[in-house]
């Protein structure tokens, strides 16, 4: 049986993640409130942001920026786009 959650991004019941994507409270919150679809879309968007903005993941400021963007993306708020990205 597939686990469902009320996704905060899409405001509807959707398939949930199989496990928390992070340890601790942040991961549990995502597991409880974000759909698998929204999480997969965030993963793709995160990759575009890293590539187009040339972010270095060893830089604490870059990691903080991505966490802020993730929170905005998963909450359905406005979030930064990757400049130069053209969807197929």
PDB file of N, CA and C in Angstrom:
ATOM      1  N   UNK A   1       0.830  -1.183   0.000  1.00  0.00           N
ATOM      2  CA  UNK A   1       0.000   0.000   0.000  1.00  0.00           C
ATOM      3  C   UNK A   1       0.879   1.252   0.000  1.00  0.00           C
ATOM      4  N   UNK A   2       0.541   2.200  -0.829  1.00  0.00           N
ATOM      5  CA  UNK A   2       1.303   3.434  -0.939  1.00  0.00           C
ATOM      6  C   UNK A   2       0.898   4.405   0.166  1.00  0.00           C
ATOM      7  N   UNK A   3       1.892   5.007   0.778  1.00  0.00           N
ATOM      8  CA  UNK A   3       1.648   6.002   1.823  1.00  0.00           C
ATOM      9  C   UNK A   3       1.296   7.324   1.159  1.00  0.00           C
ATOM     10  N   UNK A   4       0.285   8.011   1.666  1.00  0.00           N
ATOM     11  CA  UNK A   4      -0.072   9.310   1.123  1.00  0.00           C
ATOM     12  C   UNK A   4       0.119  10.389   2.181  1.00  0.00           C
ATOM     13  N   UNK A   5       0.329  11.610   1.707  1.00  0.00           N
ATOM     14  CA  UNK A   5       0.459  12.780   2.584  1.00  0.00           C
ATOM     15  C   UNK A   5      -0.362  13.902   1.975  1.00  0.00           C
ATOM     16  N   UNK A   6      -0.732  14.853   2.810  1.00  0.00           N
ATOM     17  CA  UNK A   6      -1.339  16.075   2.287  1.00  0.00           C
ATOM     18  C   UNK A   6      -0.175  17.006   1.960  1.00  0.00           C
ATOM     19  N   UNK A   7       0.132  17.106   0.682  1.00  0.00           N
ATOM     20  CA  UNK A   7       1.301  17.856   0.222  1.00  0.00           C
ATOM     21  C   UNK A   7       1.085  19.361   0.399  1.00  0.00           C
ATOM     22  N   UNK A   8       2.014  20.007   1.095  1.00  0.00           N
ATOM     23  CA  UNK A   8       1.868  21.444   1.318  1.00  0.00           C
ATOM     24  C   UNK A   8       2.071  22.235   0.032  1.00  0.00           C
ATOM     25  N   UNK A   9       2.860  21.726  -0.920  1.00  0.00           N
ATOM     26  CA  UNK A   9       3.069  22.448  -2.182  1.00  0.00           C
ATOM     27  C   UNK A   9       1.815  22.418  -3.046  1.00  0.00           C
ATOM     28  N   UNK A  10       1.200  21.258  -3.172  1.00  0.00           N
ATOM     29  CA  UNK A  10       0.061  21.095  -4.074  1.00  0.00           C
ATOM     30  C   UNK A  10      -1.297  21.110  -3.369  1.00  0.00           C
ATOM     31  N   UNK A  11      -1.292  21.165  -2.031  1.00  0.00           N
ATOM     32  CA  UNK A  11      -2.521  21.230  -1.237  1.00  0.00           C
ATOM     33  C   UNK A  11      -3.512  20.126  -1.630  1.00  0.00           C
ATOM     34  N   UNK A  12      -2.969  18.913  -1.745  1.00  0.00           N
ATOM     35  CA  UNK A  12      -3.826  17.755  -2.009  1.00  0.00           C
ATOM     36  C   UNK A  12      -3.129  16.482  -1.547  1.00  0.00           C
ATOM     37  N   UNK A  13      -3.907  15.416  -1.419  1.00  0.00           N
ATOM     38  CA  UNK A  13      -3.367  14.119  -1.017  1.00  0.00           C
ATOM     39  C   UNK A  13      -2.616  13.508  -2.204  1.00  0.00           C
ATOM     40  N   UNK A  14      -1.342  13.206  -1.978  1.00  0.00           N
ATOM     41  CA  UNK A  14      -0.499  12.604  -3.010  1.00  0.00           C
ATOM     42  C   UNK A  14       0.394  11.549  -2.374  1.00  0.00           C
ATOM     43  N   UNK A  15       1.020  10.753  -3.206  1.00  0.00           N
ATOM     44  CA  UNK A  15       1.946   9.731  -2.728  1.00  0.00           C
ATOM     45  C   UNK A  15       3.083  10.378  -1.948  1.00  0.00           C
ATOM     46  N   UNK A  16       3.408   9.784  -0.799  1.00  0.00           N
ATOM     47  CA  UNK A  16       4.474  10.303   0.052  1.00  0.00           C
ATOM     48  C   UNK A  16       5.815   9.660  -0.241  1.00  0.00           C
ATOM     49  N   UNK A  17       6.839  10.209   0.387  1.00  0.00           N
ATOM     50  CA  UNK A  17       8.188   9.662   0.266  1.00  0.00           C
ATOM     51  C   UNK A  17       8.290   8.335   1.013  1.00  0.00           C
ATOM     52  N   UNK A  18       9.236   7.501   0.602  1.00  0.00           N
ATOM     53  CA  UNK A  18       9.442   6.215   1.267  1.00  0.00           C
ATOM     54  C   UNK A  18      10.187   6.377   2.587  1.00  0.00           C
ATOM     55  N   UNK A  19      11.042   7.392   2.668  1.00  0.00           N
ATOM     56  CA  UNK A  19      11.787   7.661   3.898  1.00  0.00           C
ATOM     57  C   UNK A  19      12.123   9.148   3.953  1.00  0.00           C
ATOM     58  N   UNK A  20      12.488   9.616   5.120  1.00  0.00           N
ATOM     59  CA  UNK A  20      12.850  11.025   5.287  1.00  0.00           C
ATOM     60  C   UNK A  20      14.125  11.323   4.497  1.00  0.00           C
ATOM     61  N   UNK A  21      14.161  12.440   3.766  1.00  0.00           N
ATOM     62  CA  UNK A  21      15.332  12.748   2.948  1.00  0.00           C
ATOM     63  C   UNK A  21      16.517  13.305   3.733  1.00  0.00           C
ATOM     64  N   UNK A  22      16.283  13.746   4.956  1.00  0.00           N
ATOM     65  CA  UNK A  22      17.320  14.292   5.834  1.00  0.00           C
ATOM     66  C   UNK A  22      17.103  13.730   7.229  1.00  0.00           C
ATOM     67  N   UNK A  23      18.151  13.700   8.034  1.00  0.00           N
ATOM     68  CA  UNK A  23      17.954  13.315   9.433  1.00  0.00           C
ATOM     69  C   UNK A  23      17.341  14.486  10.210  1.00  0.00           C
ATOM     70  N   UNK A  24      16.740  14.197  11.338  1.00  0.00           N
ATOM     71  CA  UNK A  24      16.256  15.242  12.232  1.00  0.00           C
ATOM     72  C   UNK A  24      14.899  15.813  11.868  1.00  0.00           C
ATOM     73  N   UNK A  25      14.548  16.915  12.540  1.00  0.00           N
ATOM     74  CA  UNK A  25      13.219  17.518  12.376  1.00  0.00           C
ATOM     75  C   UNK A  25      12.914  17.981  10.944  1.00  0.00           C
ATOM     76  N   UNK A  26      13.890  18.524  10.245  1.00  0.00           N
ATOM     77  CA  UNK A  26      13.661  18.994   8.871  1.00  0.00           C
ATOM     78  C   UNK A  26      13.263  17.819   7.983  1.00  0.00           C
ATOM     79  N   UNK A  27      13.976  16.717   8.080  1.00  0.00           N
ATOM     80  CA  UNK A  27      13.658  15.536   7.290  1.00  0.00           C
ATOM     81  C   UNK A  27      12.296  14.956   7.641  1.00  0.00           C
ATOM     82  N   UNK A  28      11.963  14.955   8.930  1.00  0.00           N
ATOM     83  CA  UNK A  28      10.667  14.438   9.357  1.00  0.00           C
ATOM     84  C   UNK A  28       9.539  15.315   8.844  1.00  0.00           C
ATOM     85  N   UNK A  29       9.729  16.628   8.861  1.00  0.00           N
ATOM     86  CA  UNK A  29       8.726  17.555   8.350  1.00  0.00           C
ATOM     87  C   UNK A  29       8.481  17.322   6.856  1.00  0.00           C
ATOM     88  N   UNK A  30       9.540  17.148   6.101  1.00  0.00           N
ATOM     89  CA  UNK A  30       9.408  16.884   4.664  1.00  0.00           C
ATOM     90  C   UNK A  30       8.698  15.545   4.451  1.00  0.00           C
ATOM     91  N   UNK A  31       9.105  14.533   5.193  1.00  0.00           N
ATOM     92  CA  UNK A  31       8.485  13.207   5.086  1.00  0.00           C
ATOM     93  C   UNK A  31       6.984  13.265   5.361  1.00  0.00           C
ATOM     94  N   UNK A  32       6.593  14.053   6.361  1.00  0.00           N
ATOM     95  CA  UNK A  32       5.195  14.130   6.771  1.00  0.00           C
ATOM     96  C   UNK A  32       4.339  15.029   5.891  1.00  0.00           C
ATOM     97  N   UNK A  33       4.939  16.003   5.195  1.00  0.00           N
ATOM     98  CA  UNK A  33       4.146  17.055   4.554  1.00  0.00           C
ATOM     99  C   UNK A  33       4.450  17.333   3.088  1.00  0.00           C
ATOM    100  N   UNK A  34       5.350  16.578   2.487  1.00  0.00           N
ATOM    101  CA  UNK A  34       5.732  16.831   1.098  1.00  0.00           C
ATOM    102  C   UNK A  34       5.556  15.543   0.295  1.00  0.00           C
ATOM    103  N   UNK A  35       4.949  15.667  -0.864  1.00  0.00           N
ATOM    104  CA  UNK A  35       4.720  14.491  -1.710  1.00  0.00           C
ATOM    105  C   UNK A  35       5.993  14.071  -2.433  1.00  0.00           C
ATOM    106  N   UNK A  36       5.981  12.841  -2.880  1.00  0.00           N
ATOM    107  CA  UNK A  36       7.088  12.311  -3.680  1.00  0.00           C
ATOM    108  C   UNK A  36       7.263  13.154  -4.945  1.00  0.00           C
ATOM    109  N   UNK A  37       6.156  13.531  -5.576  1.00  0.00           N
ATOM    110  CA  UNK A  37       6.212  14.350  -6.785  1.00  0.00           C
ATOM    111  C   UNK A  37       6.895  15.695  -6.511  1.00  0.00           C
ATOM    112  N   UNK A  38       6.489  16.385  -5.452  1.00  0.00           N
ATOM    113  CA  UNK A  38       7.075  17.686  -5.130  1.00  0.00           C
ATOM    114  C   UNK A  38       8.564  17.536  -4.810  1.00  0.00           C
ATOM    115  N   UNK A  39       8.927  16.471  -4.090  1.00  0.00           N
ATOM    116  CA  UNK A  39      10.328  16.267  -3.734  1.00  0.00           C
ATOM    117  C   UNK A  39      11.177  16.002  -4.986  1.00  0.00           C
ATOM    118  N   UNK A  40      10.675  15.187  -5.896  1.00  0.00           N
ATOM    119  CA  UNK A  40      11.416  14.912  -7.133  1.00  0.00           C
ATOM    120  C   UNK A  40      11.561  16.178  -7.976  1.00  0.00           C
ATOM    121  N   UNK A  41      10.521  17.000  -8.002  1.00  0.00           N
ATOM    122  CA  UNK A  41      10.613  18.273  -8.735  1.00  0.00           C
ATOM    123  C   UNK A  41      11.636  19.190  -8.086  1.00  0.00           C
ATOM    124  N   UNK A  42      11.667  19.204  -6.737  1.00  0.00           N
ATOM    125  CA  UNK A  42      12.672  20.018  -6.049  1.00  0.00           C
ATOM    126  C   UNK A  42      14.085  19.519  -6.378  1.00  0.00           C
ATOM    127  N   UNK A  43      14.294  18.224  -6.381  1.00  0.00           N
ATOM    128  CA  UNK A  43      15.622  17.673  -6.679  1.00  0.00           C
ATOM    129  C   UNK A  43      16.111  18.143  -8.045  1.00  0.00           C
ATOM    130  N   UNK A  44      15.229  18.117  -9.036  1.00  0.00           N
ATOM    131  CA  UNK A  44      15.601  18.571 -10.381  1.00  0.00           C
ATOM    132  C   UNK A  44      15.879  20.072 -10.382  1.00  0.00           C
ATOM    133  N   UNK A  45      15.049  20.839  -9.690  1.00  0.00           N
ATOM    134  CA  UNK A  45      15.244  22.292  -9.646  1.00  0.00           C
ATOM    135  C   UNK A  45      16.529  22.641  -8.902  1.00  0.00           C
ATOM    136  N   UNK A  46      16.787  21.931  -7.822  1.00  0.00           N
ATOM    137  CA  UNK A  46      18.012  22.155  -7.052  1.00  0.00           C
ATOM    138  C   UNK A  46      19.244  21.936  -7.928  1.00  0.00           C
ATOM    139  N   UNK A  47      19.226  20.879  -8.721  1.00  0.00           N
ATOM    140  CA  UNK A  47      20.358  20.598  -9.618  1.00  0.00           C
ATOM    141  C   UNK A  47      20.554  21.735 -10.605  1.00  0.00           C
ATOM    142  N   UNK A  48      19.452  22.259 -11.150  1.00  0.00           N
ATOM    143  CA  UNK A  48      19.554  23.387 -12.080  1.00  0.00           C
ATOM    144  C   UNK A  48      20.145  24.612 -11.383  1.00  0.00           C
ATOM    145  N   UNK A  49      19.687  24.893 -10.156  1.00  0.00           N
ATOM    146  CA  UNK A  49      20.229  26.041  -9.424  1.00  0.00           C
ATOM    147  C   UNK A  49      21.727  25.882  -9.178  1.00  0.00           C
ATOM    148  N   UNK A  50      22.130  24.700  -8.752  1.00  0.00           N
ATOM    149  CA  UNK A  50      23.557  24.449  -8.497  1.00  0.00           C
ATOM    150  C   UNK A  50      24.366  24.658  -9.768  1.00  0.00           C
ATOM    151  N   UNK A  51      23.893  24.108 -10.867  1.00  0.00           N
ATOM    152  CA  UNK A  51      24.641  24.202 -12.124  1.00  0.00           C
ATOM    153  C   UNK A  51      24.644  25.612 -12.700  1.00  0.00           C
ATOM    154  N   UNK A  52      23.493  26.236 -12.802  1.00  0.00           N
ATOM    155  CA  UNK A  52      23.396  27.546 -13.448  1.00  0.00           C
ATOM    156  C   UNK A  52      23.995  28.666 -12.608  1.00  0.00           C
ATOM    157  N   UNK A  53      23.913  28.542 -11.297  1.00  0.00           N
ATOM    158  CA  UNK A  53      24.464  29.574 -10.409  1.00  0.00           C
ATOM    159  C   UNK A  53      25.881  29.225  -9.941  1.00  0.00           C
ATOM    160  N   UNK A  54      26.413  28.097 -10.427  1.00  0.00           N
ATOM    161  CA  UNK A  54      27.777  27.665 -10.095  1.00  0.00           C
ATOM    162  C   UNK A  54      27.996  27.614  -8.579  1.00  0.00           C
ATOM    163  N   UNK A  55      27.042  27.000  -7.885  1.00  0.00           N
ATOM    164  CA  UNK A  55      27.146  26.898  -6.431  1.00  0.00           C
ATOM    165  C   UNK A  55      28.125  25.803  -6.044  1.00  0.00           C
ATOM    166  N   UNK A  56      28.871  26.050  -4.999  1.00  0.00           N
ATOM    167  CA  UNK A  56      29.804  25.081  -4.444  1.00  0.00           C
ATOM    168  C   UNK A  56      29.221  24.574  -3.137  1.00  0.00           C
ATOM    169  N   UNK A  57      28.967  23.290  -3.068  1.00  0.00           N
ATOM    170  CA  UNK A  57      28.281  22.745  -1.910  1.00  0.00           C
ATOM    171  C   UNK A  57      29.133  22.696  -0.650  1.00  0.00           C
ATOM    172  N   UNK A  58      30.418  22.975  -0.749  1.00  0.00           N
ATOM    173  CA  UNK A  58      31.245  23.091   0.449  1.00  0.00           C
ATOM    174  C   UNK A  58      31.131  24.481   1.062  1.00  0.00           C
ATOM    175  N   UNK A  59      30.514  25.412   0.356  1.00  0.00           N
ATOM    176  CA  UNK A  59      30.335  26.783   0.832  1.00  0.00           C
ATOM    177  C   UNK A  59      29.072  26.847   1.705  1.00  0.00           C
ATOM    178  N   UNK A  60      29.216  27.204   2.983  1.00  0.00           N
ATOM    179  CA  UNK A  60      28.044  27.272   3.862  1.00  0.00           C
ATOM    180  C   UNK A  60      26.966  28.230   3.347  1.00  0.00           C
ATOM    181  N   UNK A  61      27.356  29.319   2.715  1.00  0.00           N
ATOM    182  CA  UNK A  61      26.377  30.275   2.184  1.00  0.00           C
ATOM    183  C   UNK A  61      25.560  29.645   1.050  1.00  0.00           C
ATOM    184  N   UNK A  62      26.187  28.826   0.220  1.00  0.00           N
ATOM    185  CA  UNK A  62      25.478  28.149  -0.866  1.00  0.00           C
ATOM    186  C   UNK A  62      24.493  27.131  -0.304  1.00  0.00           C
ATOM    187  N   UNK A  63      24.906  26.399   0.729  1.00  0.00           N
ATOM    188  CA  UNK A  63      24.004  25.429   1.352  1.00  0.00           C
ATOM    189  C   UNK A  63      22.821  26.135   2.017  1.00  0.00           C
ATOM    190  N   UNK A  64      23.079  27.253   2.680  1.00  0.00           N
ATOM    191  CA  UNK A  64      22.010  28.026   3.310  1.00  0.00           C
ATOM    192  C   UNK A  64      21.040  28.539   2.244  1.00  0.00           C
ATOM    193  N   UNK A  65      21.565  29.052   1.140  1.00  0.00           N
ATOM    194  CA  UNK A  65      20.741  29.538   0.037  1.00  0.00           C
ATOM    195  C   UNK A  65      19.830  28.422  -0.485  1.00  0.00           C
ATOM    196  N   UNK A  66      20.397  27.238  -0.706  1.00  0.00           N
ATOM    197  CA  UNK A  66      19.587  26.128  -1.216  1.00  0.00           C
ATOM    198  C   UNK A  66      18.509  25.694  -0.225  1.00  0.00           C
ATOM    199  N   UNK A  67      18.817  25.697   1.060  1.00  0.00           N
ATOM    200  CA  UNK A  67      17.810  25.340   2.066  1.00  0.00           C
ATOM    201  C   UNK A  67      16.667  26.351   2.064  1.00  0.00           C
ATOM    202  N   UNK A  68      17.001  27.635   1.927  1.00  0.00           N
ATOM    203  CA  UNK A  68      15.963  28.668   1.863  1.00  0.00           C
ATOM    204  C   UNK A  68      15.101  28.478   0.617  1.00  0.00           C
ATOM    205  N   UNK A  69      15.746  28.198  -0.515  1.00  0.00           N
ATOM    206  CA  UNK A  69      15.007  27.987  -1.752  1.00  0.00           C
ATOM    207  C   UNK A  69      14.145  26.725  -1.667  1.00  0.00           C
ATOM    208  N   UNK A  70      14.671  25.685  -1.024  1.00  0.00           N
ATOM    209  CA  UNK A  70      13.903  24.456  -0.854  1.00  0.00           C
ATOM    210  C   UNK A  70      12.641  24.731  -0.041  1.00  0.00           C
ATOM    211  N   UNK A  71      12.782  25.463   1.060  1.00  0.00           N
ATOM    212  CA  UNK A  71      11.620  25.774   1.890  1.00  0.00           C
ATOM    213  C   UNK A  71      10.579  26.551   1.092  1.00  0.00           C
ATOM    214  N   UNK A  72      11.031  27.519   0.293  1.00  0.00           N
ATOM    215  CA  UNK A  72      10.110  28.314  -0.525  1.00  0.00           C
ATOM    216  C   UNK A  72       9.435  27.441  -1.588  1.00  0.00           C
ATOM    217  N   UNK A  73      10.218  26.620  -2.275  1.00  0.00           N
ATOM    218  CA  UNK A  73       9.705  25.744  -3.331  1.00  0.00           C
ATOM    219  C   UNK A  73       8.653  24.792  -2.776  1.00  0.00           C
ATOM    220  N   UNK A  74       8.977  24.121  -1.683  1.00  0.00           N
ATOM    221  CA  UNK A  74       8.086  23.105  -1.133  1.00  0.00           C
ATOM    222  C   UNK A  74       6.863  23.691  -0.444  1.00  0.00           C
ATOM    223  N   UNK A  75       6.900  24.982  -0.139  1.00  0.00           N
ATOM    224  CA  UNK A  75       5.751  25.644   0.485  1.00  0.00           C
ATOM    225  C   UNK A  75       4.862  26.343  -0.530  1.00  0.00           C
ATOM    226  N   UNK A  76       5.237  26.284  -1.806  1.00  0.00           N
ATOM    227  CA  UNK A  76       4.435  26.913  -2.841  1.00  0.00           C
ATOM    228  C   UNK A  76       4.634  28.411  -2.938  1.00  0.00           C
ATOM    229  N   UNK A  77       5.709  28.926  -2.350  1.00  0.00           N
ATOM    230  CA  UNK A  77       6.024  30.356  -2.429  1.00  0.00           C
ATOM    231  C   UNK A  77       6.844  30.623  -3.685  1.00  0.00           C
ATOM    232  N   UNK A  78       7.086  31.908  -3.964  1.00  0.00           N
ATOM    233  CA  UNK A  78       7.977  32.259  -5.063  1.00  0.00           C
ATOM    234  C   UNK A  78       9.390  31.807  -4.721  1.00  0.00           C
ATOM    235  N   UNK A  79      10.103  31.291  -5.712  1.00  0.00           N
ATOM    236  CA  UNK A  79      11.466  30.816  -5.512  1.00  0.00           C
ATOM    237  C   UNK A  79      12.298  31.222  -6.724  1.00  0.00           C
ATOM    238  N   UNK A  80      13.612  31.226  -6.547  1.00  0.00           N
ATOM    239  CA  UNK A  80      14.530  31.621  -7.613  1.00  0.00           C
ATOM    240  C   UNK A  80      14.515  30.608  -8.752  1.00  0.00           C
ATOM    241  N   UNK A  81      14.629  31.122  -9.951  1.00  0.00           N
ATOM    242  CA  UNK A  81      14.749  30.285 -11.140  1.00  0.00           C
ATOM    243  C   UNK A  81      16.219  30.238 -11.561  1.00  0.00           C
ATOM    244  N   UNK A  82      16.580  29.224 -12.315  1.00  0.00           N
ATOM    245  CA  UNK A  82      17.937  29.110 -12.832  1.00  0.00           C
ATOM    246  C   UNK A  82      18.002  29.915 -14.133  1.00  0.00           C
ATOM    247  N   UNK A  83      18.750  31.011 -14.097  1.00  0.00           N
ATOM    248  CA  UNK A  83      18.891  31.819 -15.308  1.00  0.00           C
ATOM    249  C   UNK A  83      19.574  30.999 -16.378  1.00  0.00           C
ATOM    250  N   UNK A  84      19.120  31.150 -17.592  1.00  0.00           N
ATOM    251  CA  UNK A  84      19.749  30.446 -18.695  1.00  0.00           C
ATOM    252  C   UNK A  84      19.184  29.069 -18.951  1.00  0.00           C
ATOM    253  N   UNK A  85      18.350  28.558 -18.030  1.00  0.00           N
ATOM    254  CA  UNK A  85      17.785  27.226 -18.217  1.00  0.00           C
ATOM    255  C   UNK A  85      16.601  27.323 -19.187  1.00  0.00           C
ATOM    256  N   UNK A  86      16.610  26.478 -20.199  1.00  0.00           N
ATOM    257  CA  UNK A  86      15.515  26.421 -21.158  1.00  0.00           C
ATOM    258  C   UNK A  86      14.937  25.003 -21.111  1.00  0.00           C
ATOM    259  N   UNK A  87      13.675  24.870 -20.662  1.00  0.00           N
ATOM    260  CA  UNK A  87      13.093  23.518 -20.603  1.00  0.00           C
ATOM    261  C   UNK A  87      12.999  22.886 -21.986  1.00  0.00           C
ATOM    262  N   UNK A  88      13.097  21.560 -22.008  1.00  0.00           N
ATOM    263  CA  UNK A  88      13.018  20.846 -23.280  1.00  0.00           C
ATOM    264  C   UNK A  88      11.647  20.930 -23.885  1.00  0.00           C
TER     265      UNK A  88
END
